[in-house]
Amino acid sequence: MSAPRVLISDQLSPTAVQIFRDRGIDVDYQPNLGKDKEKLAEIIGDYDGLAIRSATKVTAKLLERATRLKVIGRAGIGVDNVDIPAATQRGVIVMNTPFGNSITTAEHAIAMLFALARELPAADTSTQAGKWEKNRFMGVEVTAKTLGIIGCGNIGAIVADRAVGLKMKVIAFDPFLSPERAMALGVEKVELDDLIKRADFITLHTPLTDKTRNILSADSIARTKKGVRIINCARGGLVDEVALRAALDSGHVAGAAFDVFVEEPAVTNPLFGHPNVIATPHLGASTTEAQENVALQVAEQISDYLMRGAVQNALNMPSITAEEAPKLTPFVKLAELIGSFAGQLTDSGLTGVRLEYEGEVASLNTRALTAAALTGVLKPSLDSVNMVSAPALAKERGLHVEEVRRDDRGTFDSLFRLTVKSDKLERSVAGTVFSDGKPRIVEIKGIQLDAEFQRSMLYVTNKDKPGFIGRLGTLLGERGINIATFALGRSAPGEDAIALIGIDAPADLGLIEGVAALPNVIQVKPLSF
């Protein structure tokens, strides 16, 4: 088996390149390729992984050419240059490195806060021009002032920690910030409207989404405290720049410090030229340490995925740690096979899926298992689906997905049960992984049995009557079909029964019709795994 191939199309640390080589990956380092769209499209089909910064634009058109691509790693936080929905549709994992430049970005925000408070850039320019305008630059202290943080995730939390150390009163708006986490950080969790009204300084540390775009709009800026100072080192578009300029001109906002802008590179901007605005060219992650950190992190993440199946900081797939991967792998296989079994037996349109995890498996990373199960369920109708695209495709189709976890153990240490619902019926199938690591089916529609998965199988439901197994075996023998495995189960004597037969060759139409014609057969389906 040949080594995975990774293309690095933007500037990356030599140490990061060496990480790929040390992991046994064939790495192709072309740091200026991201600027050459045609050449990139020409060769992208030869690679399993792509490591980028911001120069490379991964579009839907480029992804069409990336027939081998499994993973894209962005050295940095922002993935505005990657078409994530298109990558998801094609089953390509998109990773970023959210922690490598967190400290650097947080420190930049704190530096901007001080620069605003003491008007440092303007004072520097004035002094170096030979002026001595000591009375002109009357700043404010940050001690005892209220800092409002919009978005208290990783970077926002670091800013909060630094601000608490500066003896500031810190309030934070973040829908995902728990009261316990807020208490640990020493911040007061508030609603956005409360933050806007109370803050002396406002700093933004949230992603740009449809919900956060212009989170500081003309209306919200008008409701801020007079003399507020606003800092944005997160994403352009979080603040209405035109409205902010008007508030600066009127004197309602005392100053603004921006590292990011709606359009970048920002050669013109509504904020430029105002004496109370400080602007930097997206320097949030621009320290030697941060650039090295994100480069090493993306190399580690891509390598771990390609060589070990570990998924870290993925934006379109559940994370799987390197420690989890060995334990999860057999259950991922089980979940996909069980899903495939149910998907192949379902003729009418699916409306819902229920996934039940019992025993030890309930404590594992069930998001990854659910993604695998949905892959199996959808594959019969959507051949190109995989673990990355399955959850998104299920959501697109309005498929209701329900997860249930139970720590209690039954007959097995771990049990996974999948129930598919359609307009016509509801069918469940359950399985487990035995000590040999092989996935097994142990229950179908409440009927107990023990069946190994085979490449080609027959699923037969029938009335439990004497002689049926003999007639079925005879028919298979007459048609030259060799039986690999034969699993049986029934609900009660003389009632519904199930036969799950592993055969050495795929069943043709003649065989299916022959089995269907046997007495007491209710249903026969060919299965392929």
Protein backbone atom coordinates (compact mmCIF):
# COMPACT_ATOMS: atom_id res chain seq x y z
CA MET A 1 0.00 0.00 0.00
CA SER A 2 1.47 3.33 -1.07
CA ALA A 3 1.97 6.16 1.41
CA PRO A 4 -0.68 8.92 1.55
CA ARG A 5 0.22 12.04 -0.41
CA VAL A 6 -0.18 15.56 0.98
CA LEU A 7 0.13 18.83 -0.93
CA ILE A 8 1.15 22.01 0.90
CA SER A 9 0.09 24.89 -1.35
CA ASP A 10 0.87 27.83 0.97
CA GLN A 11 3.85 28.91 3.07
CA LEU A 12 4.36 26.54 5.99
CA SER A 13 7.14 26.00 8.52
CA PRO A 14 9.95 23.58 7.51
CA THR A 15 9.29 21.82 10.82
CA ALA A 16 5.72 21.14 9.72
CA VAL A 17 6.95 19.69 6.42
CA GLN A 18 9.28 17.42 8.37
CA ILE A 19 6.40 16.19 10.56
CA PHE A 20 4.69 14.78 7.46
CA ARG A 21 7.89 13.06 6.37
CA ASP A 22 8.54 11.63 9.83
CA ARG A 23 5.03 10.15 9.81
CA GLY A 24 5.68 8.30 6.55
CA ILE A 25 3.64 10.66 4.37
CA ASP A 26 4.72 11.65 0.86
CA VAL A 27 4.63 15.45 1.10
CA ASP A 28 4.83 17.88 -1.82
CA TYR A 29 5.75 21.40 -0.65
CA GLN A 30 4.79 24.07 -3.21
CA PRO A 31 4.31 27.22 -1.08
CA ASN A 32 3.21 29.54 -3.90
CA LEU A 33 0.85 27.14 -5.66
CA GLY A 34 -2.23 28.60 -3.97
CA LYS A 35 -1.88 31.67 -6.19
CA ASP A 36 -1.87 29.57 -9.38
CA LYS A 37 -5.45 28.28 -9.64
CA GLU A 38 -4.95 26.50 -12.94
CA LYS A 39 -1.90 24.53 -11.90
CA LEU A 40 -3.48 23.65 -8.55
CA ALA A 41 -6.56 22.30 -10.31
CA GLU A 42 -4.32 20.35 -12.66
CA ILE A 43 -2.54 18.38 -9.92
CA ILE A 44 -4.98 18.30 -6.97
CA GLY A 45 -6.37 14.93 -8.05
CA ASP A 46 -3.10 13.24 -7.06
CA TYR A 47 -3.34 14.00 -3.33
CA ASP A 48 -5.08 12.58 -0.25
CA GLY A 49 -4.52 15.69 1.89
CA LEU A 50 -4.19 19.45 1.35
CA ALA A 51 -2.54 21.82 3.84
CA ILE A 52 -3.27 25.52 3.30
CA ARG A 53 -3.24 28.98 4.81
CA SER A 54 -5.39 31.81 3.42
CA ALA A 55 -3.94 32.19 -0.09
CA THR A 56 -5.34 28.92 -1.45
CA LYS A 57 -9.03 29.09 -2.38
CA VAL A 58 -10.69 25.68 -2.16
CA THR A 59 -13.79 26.13 -4.33
CA ALA A 60 -16.46 23.66 -5.40
CA LYS A 61 -14.87 23.67 -8.85
CA LEU A 62 -11.47 22.73 -7.43
CA LEU A 63 -13.03 19.99 -5.29
CA GLU A 64 -14.52 18.41 -8.42
CA ARG A 65 -10.95 17.77 -9.57
CA ALA A 66 -9.84 16.50 -6.13
CA THR A 67 -10.96 12.92 -6.67
CA ARG A 68 -8.57 11.42 -4.07
CA LEU A 69 -8.81 14.16 -1.48
CA LYS A 70 -9.84 13.07 2.01
CA VAL A 71 -8.84 15.99 4.21
CA ILE A 72 -8.14 19.75 4.04
CA GLY A 73 -6.18 21.32 6.90
CA ARG A 74 -6.20 25.10 7.40
CA ALA A 75 -3.27 26.46 9.41
CA GLY A 76 -5.33 29.05 11.28
CA ILE A 77 -8.89 29.58 12.47
CA GLY A 78 -10.72 31.16 9.53
CA VAL A 79 -11.88 28.90 6.72
CA ASP A 80 -13.57 31.56 4.60
CA ASN A 81 -11.40 30.35 1.71
CA VAL A 82 -12.84 26.81 1.81
CA ASP A 83 -16.26 25.87 0.41
CA ILE A 84 -17.22 23.68 3.38
CA PRO A 85 -20.66 22.57 2.04
CA ALA A 86 -19.02 21.43 -1.22
CA ALA A 87 -16.28 19.62 0.72
CA THR A 88 -18.89 17.96 2.94
CA GLN A 89 -20.88 16.82 -0.08
CA ARG A 90 -17.78 15.19 -1.52
CA GLY A 91 -16.85 13.60 1.80
CA VAL A 92 -13.76 15.72 2.44
CA ILE A 93 -12.99 16.55 6.06
CA VAL A 94 -12.19 20.23 6.70
CA MET A 95 -10.02 20.94 9.75
CA ASN A 96 -8.74 24.19 11.20
CA THR A 97 -6.32 24.93 14.04
CA PRO A 98 -8.35 27.00 16.50
CA PHE A 99 -5.90 26.98 19.38
CA GLY A 100 -2.50 27.60 17.79
CA ASN A 101 -2.92 31.37 17.57
CA SER A 102 -5.37 31.94 20.42
CA ILE A 103 -2.93 33.61 22.78
CA THR A 104 -1.49 35.78 20.01
CA THR A 105 -4.93 37.00 18.91
CA ALA A 106 -6.04 37.65 22.48
CA GLU A 107 -2.85 39.60 23.19
CA HIS A 108 -3.46 41.70 20.06
CA ALA A 109 -6.93 42.60 21.35
CA ILE A 110 -5.46 43.63 24.71
CA ALA A 111 -2.79 45.68 22.89
CA MET A 112 -5.53 47.41 20.90
CA LEU A 113 -7.40 48.11 24.13
CA PHE A 114 -4.38 49.89 25.61
CA ALA A 115 -3.67 51.72 22.36
CA LEU A 116 -7.25 53.02 22.32
CA ALA A 117 -7.25 53.96 25.98
CA ARG A 118 -4.05 56.01 25.69
CA GLU A 119 -4.22 57.10 21.99
CA LEU A 120 -0.76 55.64 21.43
CA PRO A 121 -0.56 55.60 17.59
CA ALA A 122 -1.57 59.25 17.24
CA ALA A 123 0.73 60.27 20.13
CA ASP A 124 3.62 58.43 18.51
CA THR A 125 3.06 60.09 15.12
CA SER A 126 2.78 63.52 16.72
CA THR A 127 5.91 63.12 18.85
CA GLN A 128 8.05 61.77 16.00
CA ALA A 129 6.92 64.74 13.89
CA GLY A 130 8.66 67.01 16.39
CA LYS A 131 5.54 68.12 18.24
CA TRP A 132 5.17 67.92 22.00
CA GLU A 133 1.39 67.78 22.41
CA LYS A 134 1.27 66.56 25.98
CA ASN A 135 -2.10 68.15 26.69
CA ARG A 136 -3.71 66.88 23.48
CA PHE A 137 -3.61 63.17 24.32
CA MET A 138 -5.75 62.76 27.39
CA GLY A 139 -6.41 59.04 27.79
CA VAL A 140 -8.47 56.94 30.18
CA GLU A 141 -7.51 54.23 32.66
CA VAL A 142 -8.67 50.68 32.04
CA THR A 143 -8.71 49.82 35.75
CA ALA A 144 -12.29 49.50 37.07
CA LYS A 145 -13.73 49.99 33.57
CA THR A 146 -16.30 47.50 32.22
CA LEU A 147 -15.11 45.33 29.35
CA GLY A 148 -17.87 43.68 27.32
CA ILE A 149 -16.77 40.52 25.49
CA ILE A 150 -19.00 39.31 22.66
CA GLY A 151 -18.07 35.65 22.22
CA CYS A 152 -16.35 34.02 25.18
CA GLY A 153 -14.88 30.94 23.54
CA ASN A 154 -11.20 30.07 23.53
CA ILE A 155 -9.86 33.51 22.53
CA GLY A 156 -12.53 35.46 24.38
CA ALA A 157 -11.75 33.50 27.55
CA ILE A 158 -8.05 34.43 27.30
CA VAL A 159 -8.98 38.09 26.84
CA ALA A 160 -11.24 37.83 29.89
CA ASP A 161 -8.42 36.34 31.94
CA ARG A 162 -6.04 39.15 30.97
CA ALA A 163 -8.69 41.81 31.59
CA VAL A 164 -9.49 40.44 35.06
CA GLY A 165 -5.76 40.71 35.77
CA LEU A 166 -5.96 44.36 34.76
CA LYS A 167 -8.66 44.86 37.40
CA MET A 168 -11.39 45.44 34.83
CA LYS A 169 -15.02 44.45 35.39
CA VAL A 170 -15.68 41.84 32.70
CA ILE A 171 -19.12 40.99 31.31
CA ALA A 172 -19.64 38.49 28.50
CA PHE A 173 -22.33 37.57 26.01
CA ASP A 174 -22.11 34.05 24.61
CA PRO A 175 -25.12 31.69 24.22
CA PHE A 176 -22.85 28.69 24.84
CA LEU A 177 -21.13 30.04 27.97
CA SER A 178 -22.29 28.04 30.99
CA PRO A 179 -22.78 29.75 34.37
CA GLU A 180 -20.08 27.46 35.81
CA ARG A 181 -17.58 28.44 33.11
CA ALA A 182 -18.40 32.13 33.58
CA MET A 183 -17.79 31.82 37.31
CA ALA A 184 -14.47 30.05 36.74
CA LEU A 185 -13.36 32.86 34.40
CA GLY A 186 -14.44 35.54 36.84
CA VAL A 187 -16.87 37.13 34.37
CA GLU A 188 -20.53 38.02 34.55
CA LYS A 189 -22.65 36.34 31.89
CA VAL A 190 -25.16 38.82 30.41
CA GLU A 191 -27.51 39.21 27.47
CA LEU A 192 -26.30 41.18 24.45
CA ASP A 193 -28.56 44.16 25.12
CA ASP A 194 -27.27 44.44 28.69
CA LEU A 195 -23.63 44.27 27.50
CA ILE A 196 -24.21 46.98 24.90
CA LYS A 197 -25.66 49.36 27.49
CA ARG A 198 -23.06 48.79 30.23
CA ALA A 199 -19.67 48.35 28.55
CA ASP A 200 -16.97 51.02 28.46
CA PHE A 201 -14.98 48.87 26.03
CA ILE A 202 -16.46 46.23 23.72
CA THR A 203 -14.31 43.52 22.12
CA LEU A 204 -15.59 40.92 19.67
CA HIS A 205 -14.42 37.30 19.59
CA THR A 206 -17.10 35.38 17.72
CA PRO A 207 -17.18 33.67 14.30
CA LEU A 208 -18.91 35.43 11.40
CA THR A 209 -22.22 33.68 10.74
CA ASP A 210 -25.65 34.76 9.53
CA LYS A 211 -26.58 35.30 13.19
CA THR A 212 -23.50 37.34 14.11
CA ARG A 213 -23.19 39.45 10.95
CA ASN A 214 -23.55 43.10 12.03
CA ILE A 215 -24.10 42.01 15.62
CA LEU A 216 -23.07 45.60 16.33
CA SER A 217 -25.55 47.23 13.96
CA ALA A 218 -26.54 50.89 13.66
CA ASP A 219 -29.31 50.27 16.18
CA SER A 220 -27.09 48.49 18.74
CA ILE A 221 -24.28 51.05 18.37
CA ALA A 222 -26.82 53.78 19.09
CA ARG A 223 -27.69 52.00 22.37
CA THR A 224 -24.10 51.80 23.59
CA LYS A 225 -22.82 53.98 26.41
CA LYS A 226 -21.61 57.37 25.16
CA GLY A 227 -17.82 57.30 24.94
CA VAL A 228 -17.62 53.54 24.35
CA ARG A 229 -14.52 52.16 22.61
CA ILE A 230 -14.92 49.18 20.23
CA ILE A 231 -12.27 46.57 19.34
CA ASN A 232 -12.59 43.96 16.60
CA CYS A 233 -9.80 41.41 16.13
CA ALA A 234 -12.17 38.59 15.14
CA ARG A 235 -13.87 38.90 11.74
CA GLY A 236 -14.80 41.71 9.41
CA GLY A 237 -18.57 42.04 9.14
CA LEU A 238 -19.35 41.70 12.84
CA VAL A 239 -19.68 45.49 13.04
CA ASP A 240 -21.56 47.75 10.64
CA GLU A 241 -18.57 49.85 9.54
CA VAL A 242 -20.66 52.65 8.01
CA ALA A 243 -22.78 52.98 11.15
CA LEU A 244 -19.67 52.94 13.32
CA ARG A 245 -18.08 55.73 11.26
CA ALA A 246 -21.20 57.84 11.78
CA ALA A 247 -21.07 57.19 15.54
CA LEU A 248 -17.39 58.15 15.60
CA ASP A 249 -18.11 61.35 13.65
CA SER A 250 -20.88 62.30 16.09
CA GLY A 251 -18.66 61.63 19.08
CA HIS A 252 -20.97 58.94 20.51
CA VAL A 253 -18.21 56.34 20.09
CA ALA A 254 -14.90 57.57 21.48
CA GLY A 255 -12.68 55.28 19.44
CA ALA A 256 -12.36 52.05 17.52
CA ALA A 257 -9.48 49.62 16.97
CA PHE A 258 -9.91 47.19 14.09
CA ASP A 259 -7.64 44.41 12.85
CA VAL A 260 -10.25 42.94 10.47
CA PHE A 261 -12.51 44.44 7.83
CA VAL A 262 -15.45 43.50 5.63
CA GLU A 263 -13.23 43.61 2.55
CA GLU A 264 -9.62 42.49 2.76
CA PRO A 265 -7.05 43.52 1.77
CA ALA A 266 -8.59 46.77 2.98
CA VAL A 267 -7.21 49.48 0.71
CA THR A 268 -10.23 51.68 1.39
CA ASN A 269 -12.70 51.51 4.27
CA PRO A 270 -15.32 53.79 5.87
CA LEU A 271 -13.28 53.84 9.08
CA PHE A 272 -10.03 54.94 7.49
CA GLY A 273 -8.95 58.52 8.08
CA HIS A 274 -10.83 59.06 11.31
CA PRO A 275 -8.48 60.42 14.01
CA ASN A 276 -9.92 58.09 16.66
CA VAL A 277 -9.52 54.89 14.67
CA ILE A 278 -6.60 52.49 14.99
CA ALA A 279 -6.22 50.01 12.13
CA THR A 280 -3.89 47.05 11.65
CA PRO A 281 -3.72 44.70 8.62
CA HIS A 282 -5.16 41.48 10.12
CA LEU A 283 -2.22 40.95 12.46
CA GLY A 284 -4.13 38.94 15.08
CA ALA A 285 -2.19 35.75 14.38
CA SER A 286 1.01 37.42 13.24
CA THR A 287 3.62 36.39 15.75
CA THR A 288 6.47 34.00 15.17
CA GLU A 289 5.13 31.68 17.84
CA ALA A 290 1.59 31.58 16.44
CA GLN A 291 2.65 30.94 12.85
CA GLU A 292 4.84 28.08 13.98
CA ASN A 293 2.15 26.67 16.27
CA VAL A 294 -0.62 26.53 13.66
CA ALA A 295 1.73 25.04 11.06
CA LEU A 296 2.81 22.25 13.40
CA GLN A 297 -0.76 21.68 14.54
CA VAL A 298 -2.16 21.30 11.02
CA ALA A 299 0.63 18.89 10.09
CA GLU A 300 -0.07 16.79 13.18
CA GLN A 301 -3.83 16.77 12.54
CA ILE A 302 -3.63 15.79 8.87
CA SER A 303 -1.04 13.11 9.65
CA ASP A 304 -3.10 11.69 12.52
CA TYR A 305 -6.13 11.39 10.27
CA LEU A 306 -4.40 9.85 7.26
CA MET A 307 -2.30 7.41 9.30
CA ARG A 308 -4.46 6.65 12.34
CA GLY A 309 -8.02 7.72 11.58
CA ALA A 310 -8.02 10.39 14.32
CA VAL A 311 -10.12 13.49 13.56
CA GLN A 312 -9.33 16.73 15.40
CA ASN A 313 -10.87 20.19 15.05
CA ALA A 314 -12.99 19.13 12.08
CA LEU A 315 -15.69 21.57 11.03
CA ASN A 316 -17.86 19.02 9.23
CA MET A 317 -17.38 15.76 11.13
CA PRO A 318 -17.33 14.59 14.77
CA SER A 319 -13.86 14.57 16.29
CA ILE A 320 -12.16 11.24 17.02
CA THR A 321 -9.05 11.35 19.16
CA ALA A 322 -6.04 9.15 18.50
CA GLU A 323 -6.83 7.35 21.76
CA GLU A 324 -10.48 6.79 20.77
CA ALA A 325 -9.76 5.60 17.24
CA PRO A 326 -8.72 1.97 18.06
CA LYS A 327 -11.70 1.43 20.38
CA LEU A 328 -14.17 3.17 18.06
CA THR A 329 -13.09 1.54 14.80
CA PRO A 330 -14.92 -1.81 15.24
CA PHE A 331 -18.08 -0.02 16.43
CA VAL A 332 -17.90 2.43 13.52
CA LYS A 333 -17.80 -0.61 11.23
CA LEU A 334 -20.71 -2.20 13.11
CA ALA A 335 -22.81 0.99 12.92
CA GLU A 336 -22.24 1.37 9.18
CA LEU A 337 -23.04 -2.29 8.50
CA ILE A 338 -26.20 -2.18 10.63
CA GLY A 339 -27.21 1.02 8.84
CA SER A 340 -26.55 -0.59 5.46
CA PHE A 341 -28.61 -3.63 6.45
CA ALA A 342 -31.59 -1.46 7.41
CA GLY A 343 -31.16 0.81 4.38
CA GLN A 344 -31.16 -2.09 1.92
CA LEU A 345 -34.36 -3.52 3.43
CA THR A 346 -36.26 -0.21 3.31
CA ASP A 347 -38.15 0.32 0.06
CA SER A 348 -40.31 3.33 0.95
CA GLY A 349 -39.08 6.80 1.84
CA LEU A 350 -37.42 7.16 5.23
CA THR A 351 -38.88 9.61 7.72
CA GLY A 352 -36.76 8.98 10.80
CA VAL A 353 -33.93 7.03 12.39
CA ARG A 354 -33.51 6.14 16.06
CA LEU A 355 -30.10 5.04 17.32
CA GLU A 356 -29.82 3.32 20.70
CA TYR A 357 -26.50 2.77 22.48
CA GLU A 358 -26.52 0.39 25.45
CA GLY A 359 -23.73 -0.59 27.83
CA GLU A 360 -20.09 0.30 27.23
CA VAL A 361 -20.71 1.69 23.74
CA ALA A 362 -22.91 4.42 25.26
CA SER A 363 -19.78 5.98 26.78
CA LEU A 364 -17.96 6.17 23.44
CA ASN A 365 -18.02 9.00 20.89
CA THR A 366 -21.53 8.25 19.65
CA ARG A 367 -21.58 11.22 17.25
CA ALA A 368 -19.04 9.37 15.10
CA LEU A 369 -21.08 6.16 15.35
CA THR A 370 -24.26 7.99 14.37
CA ALA A 371 -22.50 9.45 11.34
CA ALA A 372 -21.37 5.94 10.36
CA ALA A 373 -24.87 4.49 10.80
CA LEU A 374 -26.44 7.25 8.69
CA THR A 375 -23.83 6.54 6.02
CA GLY A 376 -25.00 2.94 5.86
CA VAL A 377 -28.68 3.86 5.84
CA LEU A 378 -28.32 6.41 3.02
CA LYS A 379 -25.79 4.58 0.85
CA PRO A 380 -28.32 2.36 -0.99
CA SER A 381 -29.97 5.49 -2.38
CA LEU A 382 -27.00 7.89 -2.34
CA ASP A 383 -23.97 5.89 -3.40
CA SER A 384 -21.35 8.59 -2.78
CA VAL A 385 -22.36 9.32 0.84
CA ASN A 386 -19.81 8.88 3.65
CA MET A 387 -19.33 9.75 7.33
CA VAL A 388 -18.61 13.38 6.52
CA SER A 389 -21.58 14.02 4.27
CA ALA A 390 -24.19 11.69 5.82
CA PRO A 391 -25.40 13.92 8.72
CA ALA A 392 -25.75 16.93 6.40
CA LEU A 393 -27.56 14.87 3.75
CA ALA A 394 -29.92 13.41 6.37
CA LYS A 395 -30.75 16.92 7.56
CA GLU A 396 -31.30 18.15 3.98
CA ARG A 397 -33.82 15.36 3.45
CA GLY A 398 -35.73 16.14 6.62
CA LEU A 399 -34.75 12.84 8.23
CA HIS A 400 -35.43 13.00 11.97
CA VAL A 401 -32.46 11.51 13.83
CA GLU A 402 -32.84 10.52 17.48
CA GLU A 403 -30.08 9.24 19.79
CA VAL A 404 -30.70 7.27 22.99
CA ARG A 405 -27.93 6.23 25.41
CA ARG A 406 -28.29 3.72 28.23
CA ASP A 407 -25.43 2.75 30.51
CA ASP A 408 -27.22 -0.41 31.69
CA ARG A 409 -25.92 -3.66 30.20
CA GLY A 410 -28.14 -6.49 29.02
CA THR A 411 -27.05 -9.76 27.45
CA PHE A 412 -24.08 -8.01 25.84
CA ASP A 413 -21.50 -5.59 27.23
CA SER A 414 -22.34 -3.28 24.30
CA LEU A 415 -25.37 -3.20 22.07
CA PHE A 416 -26.20 -0.90 19.17
CA ARG A 417 -29.79 -0.85 17.90
CA LEU A 418 -30.95 1.05 14.82
CA THR A 419 -34.61 1.65 14.05
CA VAL A 420 -35.65 3.06 10.70
CA LYS A 421 -39.06 4.60 10.21
CA SER A 422 -40.84 5.04 6.90
CA ASP A 423 -44.35 5.85 5.76
CA LYS A 424 -45.18 2.14 5.73
CA LEU A 425 -43.29 0.52 8.60
CA GLU A 426 -40.82 0.65 11.46
CA ARG A 427 -37.96 -1.87 11.50
CA SER A 428 -35.17 -2.35 14.02
CA VAL A 429 -31.92 -4.28 13.87
CA ALA A 430 -29.32 -4.61 16.62
CA GLY A 431 -25.71 -5.73 16.72
CA THR A 432 -22.60 -5.92 18.81
CA VAL A 433 -18.86 -6.46 18.49
CA PHE A 434 -17.59 -9.76 19.88
CA SER A 435 -14.20 -10.24 21.55
CA ASP A 436 -12.73 -11.23 18.18
CA GLY A 437 -13.45 -7.68 16.94
CA LYS A 438 -16.01 -8.86 14.39
CA PRO A 439 -19.39 -7.12 14.15
CA ARG A 440 -22.47 -9.34 14.51
CA ILE A 441 -26.21 -9.00 14.06
CA VAL A 442 -27.95 -10.26 17.19
CA GLU A 443 -31.52 -9.07 16.73
CA ILE A 444 -33.86 -8.25 13.84
CA LYS A 445 -37.38 -6.92 14.52
CA GLY A 446 -37.13 -8.22 18.08
CA ILE A 447 -36.15 -11.73 16.95
CA GLN A 448 -32.89 -13.02 18.45
CA LEU A 449 -30.20 -14.58 16.23
CA ASP A 450 -26.44 -14.54 15.73
CA ALA A 451 -25.22 -13.67 12.24
CA GLU A 452 -21.86 -12.63 10.82
CA PHE A 453 -21.79 -10.14 7.97
CA GLN A 454 -20.81 -11.59 4.60
CA ARG A 455 -20.14 -9.82 1.30
CA SER A 456 -23.30 -11.35 -0.24
CA MET A 457 -26.31 -12.38 1.82
CA LEU A 458 -29.96 -13.37 1.55
CA TYR A 459 -32.55 -12.07 3.99
CA VAL A 460 -35.63 -14.26 4.14
CA THR A 461 -38.72 -13.87 6.32
CA ASN A 462 -41.15 -16.76 6.47
CA LYS A 463 -43.69 -18.60 8.57
CA ASP A 464 -42.01 -21.10 10.88
CA LYS A 465 -43.17 -24.42 9.36
CA PRO A 466 -41.44 -27.80 9.27
CA GLY A 467 -39.36 -28.54 6.17
CA PHE A 468 -38.75 -24.93 5.16
CA ILE A 469 -35.02 -24.92 5.88
CA GLY A 470 -34.56 -28.13 3.93
CA ARG A 471 -36.40 -26.78 0.88
CA LEU A 472 -34.41 -23.54 1.01
CA GLY A 473 -31.09 -25.42 1.26
CA THR A 474 -32.05 -27.72 -1.59
CA LEU A 475 -32.94 -24.78 -3.84
CA LEU A 476 -29.61 -23.09 -3.16
CA GLY A 477 -27.75 -26.35 -3.83
CA GLU A 478 -29.57 -26.95 -7.10
CA ARG A 479 -28.55 -23.50 -8.28
CA GLY A 480 -24.91 -24.06 -7.35
CA ILE A 481 -24.97 -21.49 -4.52
CA ASN A 482 -22.57 -22.33 -1.71
CA ILE A 483 -23.68 -21.39 1.80
CA ALA A 484 -21.06 -19.64 3.94
CA THR A 485 -23.18 -18.96 7.04
CA PHE A 486 -26.77 -19.67 8.01
CA ALA A 487 -28.42 -17.84 10.95
CA LEU A 488 -31.98 -18.49 12.11
CA GLY A 489 -34.41 -16.92 14.54
CA ARG A 490 -38.13 -16.92 15.25
CA SER A 491 -40.59 -14.98 17.37
CA ALA A 492 -42.40 -18.14 18.58
CA PRO A 493 -42.96 -21.70 17.30
CA GLY A 494 -45.06 -21.61 14.15
CA GLU A 495 -44.94 -17.80 13.97
CA ASP A 496 -42.67 -15.35 12.10
CA ALA A 497 -39.11 -16.54 11.39
CA ILE A 498 -36.01 -15.02 9.84
CA ALA A 499 -33.17 -16.64 7.92
CA LEU A 500 -30.00 -14.66 7.21
CA ILE A 501 -27.78 -16.58 4.83
CA GLY A 502 -24.25 -15.75 3.75
CA ILE A 503 -23.58 -16.96 0.20
CA ASP A 504 -20.41 -17.10 -1.87
CA ALA A 505 -21.79 -15.20 -4.89
CA PRO A 506 -24.30 -12.37 -5.33
CA ALA A 507 -27.90 -13.52 -5.75
CA ASP A 508 -29.32 -13.10 -9.24
CA LEU A 509 -32.95 -12.42 -10.11
CA GLY A 510 -33.64 -16.08 -10.81
CA LEU A 511 -32.53 -17.12 -7.34
CA ILE A 512 -34.61 -14.38 -5.69
CA GLU A 513 -37.70 -15.44 -7.64
CA GLY A 514 -37.05 -19.10 -6.80
CA VAL A 515 -36.79 -18.41 -3.05
CA ALA A 516 -39.86 -16.13 -3.15
CA ALA A 517 -41.86 -18.98 -4.72
CA LEU A 518 -41.16 -21.39 -1.84
CA PRO A 519 -44.12 -22.12 0.47
CA ASN A 520 -44.44 -19.88 3.54
CA VAL A 521 -41.95 -17.23 2.28
CA ILE A 522 -43.11 -13.70 3.16
CA GLN A 523 -40.15 -11.69 1.85
CA VAL A 524 -36.73 -12.27 0.30
CA LYS A 525 -34.07 -9.62 -0.22
CA PRO A 526 -30.52 -9.80 -1.54
CA LEU A 527 -27.99 -7.91 0.56
CA SER A 528 -24.48 -6.73 -0.24
CA PHE A 529 -21.86 -5.45 2.23
